[in-house]
Amino acid sequence: GKLIVLHFPLMMYTICGFEHALTNMVVVPLGIAYGAQVNIGQWLLTNILPAALGNAIGGGLIIGGIETLLFNWDKGEGNTNEMQH
């Protein structure tokens, strides 16, 4: 059950053609296991490294930057973890 639930988003992400480090860590080794003509070093350098850097920039800087602009975290505004009195 859990494997099927995890497989569907991974499959859709891959079908759409997006590069994601976690997706590639599943799909590319499966391809290598089934005879794809790529070695591990080539895969790490040309696929995982750029995808991981892109994910870090997109997820960390862009999303983090937008959240910082939308919420004033220094004053605690937008913090839903604290009870409002």
PDB file of N, CA and C in Angstrom:
ATOM      1  N   GLY A   1       0.808  -1.191   0.000  1.00  0.00           N
ATOM      2  CA  GLY A   1       0.000   0.000   0.000  1.00  0.00           C
ATOM      3  C   GLY A   1       0.855   1.260   0.000  1.00  0.00           C
ATOM      4  N   LYS A   2       1.815   1.348   0.940  1.00  0.00           N
ATOM      5  CA  LYS A   2       2.638   2.548   1.046  1.00  0.00           C
ATOM      6  C   LYS A   2       3.532   2.711  -0.184  1.00  0.00           C
ATOM      7  N   LEU A   3       4.007   1.608  -0.719  1.00  0.00           N
ATOM      8  CA  LEU A   3       4.868   1.658  -1.899  1.00  0.00           C
ATOM      9  C   LEU A   3       4.119   2.215  -3.099  1.00  0.00           C
ATOM     10  N   ILE A   4       2.866   1.831  -3.247  1.00  0.00           N
ATOM     11  CA  ILE A   4       2.056   2.338  -4.361  1.00  0.00           C
ATOM     12  C   ILE A   4       1.790   3.825  -4.187  1.00  0.00           C
ATOM     13  N   VAL A   5       1.515   4.244  -2.948  1.00  0.00           N
ATOM     14  CA  VAL A   5       1.260   5.661  -2.673  1.00  0.00           C
ATOM     15  C   VAL A   5       2.505   6.489  -2.965  1.00  0.00           C
ATOM     16  N   LEU A   6       3.677   5.977  -2.667  1.00  0.00           N
ATOM     17  CA  LEU A   6       4.925   6.690  -2.949  1.00  0.00           C
ATOM     18  C   LEU A   6       5.285   6.643  -4.432  1.00  0.00           C
ATOM     19  N   HIS A   7       4.895   5.580  -5.104  1.00  0.00           N
ATOM     20  CA  HIS A   7       5.260   5.409  -6.508  1.00  0.00           C
ATOM     21  C   HIS A   7       4.522   6.384  -7.417  1.00  0.00           C
ATOM     22  N   PHE A   8       3.247   6.662  -7.152  1.00  0.00           N
ATOM     23  CA  PHE A   8       2.450   7.504  -8.044  1.00  0.00           C
ATOM     24  C   PHE A   8       3.013   8.925  -8.200  1.00  0.00           C
ATOM     25  N   PRO A   9       3.297   9.656  -7.105  1.00  0.00           N
ATOM     26  CA  PRO A   9       3.868  11.004  -7.300  1.00  0.00           C
ATOM     27  C   PRO A   9       5.238  10.962  -7.982  1.00  0.00           C
ATOM     28  N   LEU A  10       6.023   9.957  -7.657  1.00  0.00           N
ATOM     29  CA  LEU A  10       7.332   9.809  -8.295  1.00  0.00           C
ATOM     30  C   LEU A  10       7.168   9.590  -9.787  1.00  0.00           C
ATOM     31  N   MET A  11       6.236   8.740 -10.167  1.00  0.00           N
ATOM     32  CA  MET A  11       5.983   8.451 -11.569  1.00  0.00           C
ATOM     33  C   MET A  11       5.493   9.706 -12.295  1.00  0.00           C
ATOM     34  N   MET A  12       4.568  10.442 -11.698  1.00  0.00           N
ATOM     35  CA  MET A  12       4.033  11.641 -12.345  1.00  0.00           C
ATOM     36  C   MET A  12       5.104  12.720 -12.503  1.00  0.00           C
ATOM     37  N   TYR A  13       5.926  12.879 -11.500  1.00  0.00           N
ATOM     38  CA  TYR A  13       7.012  13.863 -11.553  1.00  0.00           C
ATOM     39  C   TYR A  13       7.968  13.521 -12.690  1.00  0.00           C
ATOM     40  N   THR A  14       8.284  12.239 -12.837  1.00  0.00           N
ATOM     41  CA  THR A  14       9.202  11.791 -13.876  1.00  0.00           C
ATOM     42  C   THR A  14       8.572  11.911 -15.253  1.00  0.00           C
ATOM     43  N   ILE A  15       7.309  11.551 -15.392  1.00  0.00           N
ATOM     44  CA  ILE A  15       6.622  11.646 -16.679  1.00  0.00           C
ATOM     45  C   ILE A  15       6.577  13.092 -17.160  1.00  0.00           C
ATOM     46  N   CYS A  16       6.416  14.039 -16.249  1.00  0.00           N
ATOM     47  CA  CYS A  16       6.382  15.452 -16.617  1.00  0.00           C
ATOM     48  C   CYS A  16       7.753  15.976 -17.043  1.00  0.00           C
ATOM     49  N   GLY A  17       8.798  15.204 -16.791  1.00  0.00           N
ATOM     50  CA  GLY A  17      10.132  15.577 -17.242  1.00  0.00           C
ATOM     51  C   GLY A  17      10.922  16.434 -16.281  1.00  0.00           C
ATOM     52  N   PHE A  18      10.470  16.556 -15.044  1.00  0.00           N
ATOM     53  CA  PHE A  18      11.200  17.360 -14.070  1.00  0.00           C
ATOM     54  C   PHE A  18      12.388  16.584 -13.516  1.00  0.00           C
ATOM     55  N   GLU A  19      13.421  17.304 -13.145  1.00  0.00           N
ATOM     56  CA  GLU A  19      14.598  16.698 -12.528  1.00  0.00           C
ATOM     57  C   GLU A  19      14.536  16.942 -11.031  1.00  0.00           C
ATOM     58  N   HIS A  20      14.619  15.887 -10.269  1.00  0.00           N
ATOM     59  CA  HIS A  20      14.640  15.985  -8.823  1.00  0.00           C
ATOM     60  C   HIS A  20      15.632  14.957  -8.311  1.00  0.00           C
ATOM     61  N   ALA A  21      16.491  15.358  -7.395  1.00  0.00           N
ATOM     62  CA  ALA A  21      17.559  14.479  -6.922  1.00  0.00           C
ATOM     63  C   ALA A  21      17.001  13.166  -6.364  1.00  0.00           C
ATOM     64  N   LEU A  22      15.947  13.236  -5.575  1.00  0.00           N
ATOM     65  CA  LEU A  22      15.392  12.010  -4.994  1.00  0.00           C
ATOM     66  C   LEU A  22      14.769  11.107  -6.057  1.00  0.00           C
ATOM     67  N   THR A  23      14.089  11.698  -7.011  1.00  0.00           N
ATOM     68  CA  THR A  23      13.519  10.914  -8.099  1.00  0.00           C
ATOM     69  C   THR A  23      14.623  10.217  -8.880  1.00  0.00           C
ATOM     70  N   ASN A  24      15.671  10.957  -9.169  1.00  0.00           N
ATOM     71  CA  ASN A  24      16.776  10.396  -9.945  1.00  0.00           C
ATOM     72  C   ASN A  24      17.530   9.319  -9.180  1.00  0.00           C
ATOM     73  N   MET A  25      17.520   9.384  -7.850  1.00  0.00           N
ATOM     74  CA  MET A  25      18.191   8.357  -7.054  1.00  0.00           C
ATOM     75  C   MET A  25      17.442   7.034  -7.101  1.00  0.00           C
ATOM     76  N   VAL A  26      16.213   7.044  -7.554  1.00  0.00           N
ATOM     77  CA  VAL A  26      15.442   5.810  -7.716  1.00  0.00           C
ATOM     78  C   VAL A  26      15.458   5.367  -9.172  1.00  0.00           C
ATOM     79  N   VAL A  27      15.172   6.284 -10.076  1.00  0.00           N
ATOM     80  CA  VAL A  27      14.981   5.940 -11.476  1.00  0.00           C
ATOM     81  C   VAL A  27      16.287   5.540 -12.162  1.00  0.00           C
ATOM     82  N   VAL A  28      17.351   6.301 -11.969  1.00  0.00           N
ATOM     83  CA  VAL A  28      18.607   6.022 -12.671  1.00  0.00           C
ATOM     84  C   VAL A  28      19.243   4.703 -12.221  1.00  0.00           C
ATOM     85  N   PRO A  29      19.342   4.389 -10.923  1.00  0.00           N
ATOM     86  CA  PRO A  29      19.871   3.070 -10.563  1.00  0.00           C
ATOM     87  C   PRO A  29      19.037   1.911 -11.124  1.00  0.00           C
ATOM     88  N   LEU A  30      17.724   2.095 -11.212  1.00  0.00           N
ATOM     89  CA  LEU A  30      16.904   1.068 -11.845  1.00  0.00           C
ATOM     90  C   LEU A  30      17.284   0.915 -13.315  1.00  0.00           C
ATOM     91  N   GLY A  31      17.500   2.029 -13.976  1.00  0.00           N
ATOM     92  CA  GLY A  31      17.941   1.985 -15.372  1.00  0.00           C
ATOM     93  C   GLY A  31      19.289   1.318 -15.514  1.00  0.00           C
ATOM     94  N   ILE A  32      20.221   1.627 -14.613  1.00  0.00           N
ATOM     95  CA  ILE A  32      21.546   1.000 -14.634  1.00  0.00           C
ATOM     96  C   ILE A  32      21.404  -0.500 -14.403  1.00  0.00           C
ATOM     97  N   ALA A  33      20.536  -0.890 -13.467  1.00  0.00           N
ATOM     98  CA  ALA A  33      20.317  -2.312 -13.184  1.00  0.00           C
ATOM     99  C   ALA A  33      19.757  -3.040 -14.398  1.00  0.00           C
ATOM    100  N   TYR A  34      18.995  -2.326 -15.225  1.00  0.00           N
ATOM    101  CA  TYR A  34      18.410  -2.940 -16.408  1.00  0.00           C
ATOM    102  C   TYR A  34      19.245  -2.742 -17.664  1.00  0.00           C
ATOM    103  N   GLY A  35      20.481  -2.243 -17.506  1.00  0.00           N
ATOM    104  CA  GLY A  35      21.409  -2.205 -18.629  1.00  0.00           C
ATOM    105  C   GLY A  35      21.633  -0.868 -19.295  1.00  0.00           C
ATOM    106  N   ALA A  36      21.247   0.239 -18.675  1.00  0.00           N
ATOM    107  CA  ALA A  36      21.512   1.554 -19.263  1.00  0.00           C
ATOM    108  C   ALA A  36      23.021   1.769 -19.373  1.00  0.00           C
ATOM    109  N   GLN A  37      23.435   2.408 -20.426  1.00  0.00           N
ATOM    110  CA  GLN A  37      24.853   2.622 -20.683  1.00  0.00           C
ATOM    111  C   GLN A  37      25.354   3.884 -19.972  1.00  0.00           C
ATOM    112  N   VAL A  38      25.420   3.814 -18.655  1.00  0.00           N
ATOM    113  CA  VAL A  38      25.917   4.928 -17.846  1.00  0.00           C
ATOM    114  C   VAL A  38      26.621   4.340 -16.632  1.00  0.00           C
ATOM    115  N   ASN A  39      27.706   5.001 -16.205  1.00  0.00           N
ATOM    116  CA  ASN A  39      28.382   4.529 -14.998  1.00  0.00           C
ATOM    117  C   ASN A  39      28.039   5.438 -13.819  1.00  0.00           C
ATOM    118  N   ILE A  40      28.379   5.007 -12.632  1.00  0.00           N
ATOM    119  CA  ILE A  40      27.991   5.723 -11.414  1.00  0.00           C
ATOM    120  C   ILE A  40      28.601   7.129 -11.361  1.00  0.00           C
ATOM    121  N   GLY A  41      29.881   7.263 -11.701  1.00  0.00           N
ATOM    122  CA  GLY A  41      30.530   8.568 -11.668  1.00  0.00           C
ATOM    123  C   GLY A  41      29.893   9.552 -12.636  1.00  0.00           C
ATOM    124  N   GLN A  42      29.598   9.076 -13.832  1.00  0.00           N
ATOM    125  CA  GLN A  42      28.942   9.906 -14.844  1.00  0.00           C
ATOM    126  C   GLN A  42      27.559  10.354 -14.354  1.00  0.00           C
ATOM    127  N   TRP A  43      26.845   9.421 -13.739  1.00  0.00           N
ATOM    128  CA  TRP A  43      25.502   9.722 -13.218  1.00  0.00           C
ATOM    129  C   TRP A  43      25.567  10.764 -12.108  1.00  0.00           C
ATOM    130  N   LEU A  44      26.510  10.599 -11.169  1.00  0.00           N
ATOM    131  CA  LEU A  44      26.629  11.548 -10.057  1.00  0.00           C
ATOM    132  C   LEU A  44      26.980  12.943 -10.547  1.00  0.00           C
ATOM    133  N   LEU A  45      27.927  13.018 -11.478  1.00  0.00           N
ATOM    134  CA  LEU A  45      28.424  14.309 -11.939  1.00  0.00           C
ATOM    135  C   LEU A  45      27.436  15.032 -12.847  1.00  0.00           C
ATOM    136  N   THR A  46      26.789  14.304 -13.746  1.00  0.00           N
ATOM    137  CA  THR A  46      25.938  14.965 -14.735  1.00  0.00           C
ATOM    138  C   THR A  46      24.460  14.962 -14.374  1.00  0.00           C
ATOM    139  N   ASN A  47      24.075  14.248 -13.313  1.00  0.00           N
ATOM    140  CA  ASN A  47      22.648  14.183 -13.000  1.00  0.00           C
ATOM    141  C   ASN A  47      22.351  14.565 -11.554  1.00  0.00           C
ATOM    142  N   ILE A  48      22.926  13.850 -10.609  1.00  0.00           N
ATOM    143  CA  ILE A  48      22.598  14.086  -9.203  1.00  0.00           C
ATOM    144  C   ILE A  48      23.095  15.445  -8.724  1.00  0.00           C
ATOM    145  N   LEU A  49      24.335  15.795  -9.040  1.00  0.00           N
ATOM    146  CA  LEU A  49      24.883  17.074  -8.588  1.00  0.00           C
ATOM    147  C   LEU A  49      24.075  18.267  -9.109  1.00  0.00           C
ATOM    148  N   PRO A  50      23.813  18.369 -10.421  1.00  0.00           N
ATOM    149  CA  PRO A  50      22.996  19.505 -10.889  1.00  0.00           C
ATOM    150  C   PRO A  50      21.573  19.492 -10.330  1.00  0.00           C
ATOM    151  N   ALA A  51      20.971  18.313 -10.234  1.00  0.00           N
ATOM    152  CA  ALA A  51      19.598  18.238  -9.703  1.00  0.00           C
ATOM    153  C   ALA A  51      19.561  18.637  -8.231  1.00  0.00           C
ATOM    154  N   ALA A  52      20.533  18.187  -7.444  1.00  0.00           N
ATOM    155  CA  ALA A  52      20.576  18.535  -6.026  1.00  0.00           C
ATOM    156  C   ALA A  52      20.813  20.035  -5.832  1.00  0.00           C
ATOM    157  N   LEU A  53      21.702  20.610  -6.639  1.00  0.00           N
ATOM    158  CA  LEU A  53      21.939  22.057  -6.553  1.00  0.00           C
ATOM    159  C   LEU A  53      20.691  22.844  -6.946  1.00  0.00           C
ATOM    160  N   GLY A  54      20.014  22.401  -7.999  1.00  0.00           N
ATOM    161  CA  GLY A  54      18.779  23.060  -8.421  1.00  0.00           C
ATOM    162  C   GLY A  54      17.688  22.950  -7.373  1.00  0.00           C
ATOM    163  N   ASN A  55      17.584  21.783  -6.741  1.00  0.00           N
ATOM    164  CA  ASN A  55      16.594  21.599  -5.679  1.00  0.00           C
ATOM    165  C   ASN A  55      16.914  22.482  -4.483  1.00  0.00           C
ATOM    166  N   ALA A  56      18.197  22.608  -4.136  1.00  0.00           N
ATOM    167  CA  ALA A  56      18.592  23.443  -3.004  1.00  0.00           C
ATOM    168  C   ALA A  56      18.314  24.917  -3.291  1.00  0.00           C
ATOM    169  N   ILE A  57      18.615  25.351  -4.500  1.00  0.00           N
ATOM    170  CA  ILE A  57      18.359  26.756  -4.863  1.00  0.00           C
ATOM    171  C   ILE A  57      16.861  27.013  -4.928  1.00  0.00           C
ATOM    172  N   GLY A  58      16.137  26.135  -5.607  1.00  0.00           N
ATOM    173  CA  GLY A  58      14.694  26.324  -5.750  1.00  0.00           C
ATOM    174  C   GLY A  58      13.960  26.198  -4.435  1.00  0.00           C
ATOM    175  N   GLY A  59      14.264  25.159  -3.681  1.00  0.00           N
ATOM    176  CA  GLY A  59      13.548  24.921  -2.433  1.00  0.00           C
ATOM    177  C   GLY A  59      14.035  25.778  -1.293  1.00  0.00           C
ATOM    178  N   GLY A  60      15.336  25.985  -1.218  1.00  0.00           N
ATOM    179  CA  GLY A  60      15.900  26.730  -0.094  1.00  0.00           C
ATOM    180  C   GLY A  60      15.857  28.226  -0.273  1.00  0.00           C
ATOM    181  N   LEU A  61      16.371  28.695  -1.377  1.00  0.00           N
ATOM    182  CA  LEU A  61      16.480  30.141  -1.563  1.00  0.00           C
ATOM    183  C   LEU A  61      15.196  30.773  -2.085  1.00  0.00           C
ATOM    184  N   ILE A  62      14.612  30.198  -3.129  1.00  0.00           N
ATOM    185  CA  ILE A  62      13.431  30.817  -3.720  1.00  0.00           C
ATOM    186  C   ILE A  62      12.225  30.688  -2.790  1.00  0.00           C
ATOM    187  N   ILE A  63      11.911  29.480  -2.359  1.00  0.00           N
ATOM    188  CA  ILE A  63      10.759  29.287  -1.473  1.00  0.00           C
ATOM    189  C   ILE A  63      11.008  29.956  -0.125  1.00  0.00           C
ATOM    190  N   GLY A  64      12.224  29.792   0.417  1.00  0.00           N
ATOM    191  CA  GLY A  64      12.556  30.444   1.681  1.00  0.00           C
ATOM    192  C   GLY A  64      12.497  31.960   1.579  1.00  0.00           C
ATOM    193  N   GLY A  65      12.956  32.501   0.455  1.00  0.00           N
ATOM    194  CA  GLY A  65      12.906  33.947   0.241  1.00  0.00           C
ATOM    195  C   GLY A  65      11.485  34.465   0.145  1.00  0.00           C
ATOM    196  N   ILE A  66      10.644  33.734  -0.559  1.00  0.00           N
ATOM    197  CA  ILE A  66       9.234  34.137  -0.675  1.00  0.00           C
ATOM    198  C   ILE A  66       8.556  34.091   0.691  1.00  0.00           C
ATOM    199  N   GLU A  67       8.824  33.046   1.466  1.00  0.00           N
ATOM    200  CA  GLU A  67       8.233  32.962   2.809  1.00  0.00           C
ATOM    201  C   GLU A  67       8.704  34.108   3.687  1.00  0.00           C
ATOM    202  N   THR A  68       9.970  34.457   3.588  1.00  0.00           N
ATOM    203  CA  THR A  68      10.496  35.561   4.382  1.00  0.00           C
ATOM    204  C   THR A  68       9.826  36.871   3.997  1.00  0.00           C
ATOM    205  N   LEU A  69       9.556  37.057   2.705  1.00  0.00           N
ATOM    206  CA  LEU A  69       8.873  38.273   2.272  1.00  0.00           C
ATOM    207  C   LEU A  69       7.406  38.299   2.700  1.00  0.00           C
ATOM    208  N   LEU A  70       6.753  37.137   2.700  1.00  0.00           N
ATOM    209  CA  LEU A  70       5.332  37.082   3.030  1.00  0.00           C
ATOM    210  C   LEU A  70       5.055  37.175   4.523  1.00  0.00           C
ATOM    211  N   PHE A  71       5.952  36.623   5.336  1.00  0.00           N
ATOM    212  CA  PHE A  71       5.729  36.582   6.778  1.00  0.00           C
ATOM    213  C   PHE A  71       6.856  37.313   7.486  1.00  0.00           C
ATOM    214  N   ASN A  72       6.492  38.055   8.513  1.00  0.00           N
ATOM    215  CA  ASN A  72       7.484  38.757   9.296  1.00  0.00           C
ATOM    216  C   ASN A  72       7.881  37.849  10.458  1.00  0.00           C
ATOM    217  N   TRP A  73       8.845  36.957  10.229  1.00  0.00           N
ATOM    218  CA  TRP A  73       9.199  35.939  11.206  1.00  0.00           C
ATOM    219  C   TRP A  73       9.899  36.521  12.431  1.00  0.00           C
ATOM    220  N   ASP A  74      10.553  37.668  12.299  1.00  0.00           N
ATOM    221  CA  ASP A  74      11.253  38.264  13.439  1.00  0.00           C
ATOM    222  C   ASP A  74      10.289  38.678  14.548  1.00  0.00           C
ATOM    223  N   LYS A  75       9.088  39.086  14.199  1.00  0.00           N
ATOM    224  CA  LYS A  75       8.117  39.541  15.184  1.00  0.00           C
ATOM    225  C   LYS A  75       7.138  38.447  15.562  1.00  0.00           C
ATOM    226  N   GLY A  76       7.342  37.240  15.037  1.00  0.00           N
ATOM    227  CA  GLY A  76       6.473  36.131  15.380  1.00  0.00           C
ATOM    228  C   GLY A  76       5.166  36.110  14.609  1.00  0.00           C
ATOM    229  N   GLU A  77       4.990  37.030  13.673  1.00  0.00           N
ATOM    230  CA  GLU A  77       3.766  37.046  12.874  1.00  0.00           C
ATOM    231  C   GLU A  77       3.820  35.893  11.880  1.00  0.00           C
ATOM    232  N   GLY A  78       2.731  35.197  11.726  1.00  0.00           N
ATOM    233  CA  GLY A  78       2.696  34.063  10.831  1.00  0.00           C
ATOM    234  C   GLY A  78       3.079  32.766  11.493  1.00  0.00           C
ATOM    235  N   ASN A  79       3.513  32.843  12.756  1.00  0.00           N
ATOM    236  CA  ASN A  79       3.899  31.643  13.488  1.00  0.00           C
ATOM    237  C   ASN A  79       2.649  30.999  14.061  1.00  0.00           C
ATOM    238  N   THR A  80       2.252  29.868  13.523  1.00  0.00           N
ATOM    239  CA  THR A  80       1.016  29.198  13.957  1.00  0.00           C
ATOM    240  C   THR A  80       1.261  28.249  15.100  1.00  0.00           C
ATOM    241  N   ASN A  81       2.496  28.107  15.565  1.00  0.00           N
ATOM    242  CA  ASN A  81       2.802  27.183  16.649  1.00  0.00           C
ATOM    243  C   ASN A  81       2.504  27.747  18.017  1.00  0.00           C
ATOM    244  N   GLU A  82       2.374  29.052  18.122  1.00  0.00           N
ATOM    245  CA  GLU A  82       2.133  29.684  19.426  1.00  0.00           C
ATOM    246  C   GLU A  82       0.653  29.969  19.602  1.00  0.00           C
ATOM    247  N   MET A  83       0.182  29.798  20.808  1.00  0.00           N
ATOM    248  CA  MET A  83      -1.232  30.065  21.113  1.00  0.00           C
ATOM    249  C   MET A  83      -1.468  31.576  21.096  1.00  0.00           C
ATOM    250  N   GLN A  84      -2.580  31.981  20.539  1.00  0.00           N
ATOM    251  CA  GLN A  84      -2.962  33.395  20.517  1.00  0.00           C
ATOM    252  C   GLN A  84      -3.771  33.696  21.774  1.00  0.00           C
ATOM    253  N   HIS A  85      -3.417  34.756  22.504  1.00  0.00           N
ATOM    254  CA  HIS A  85      -4.143  35.119  23.745  1.00  0.00           C
ATOM    255  C   HIS A  85      -5.062  36.275  23.482  1.00  0.00           C
TER     256      HIS A  85
END
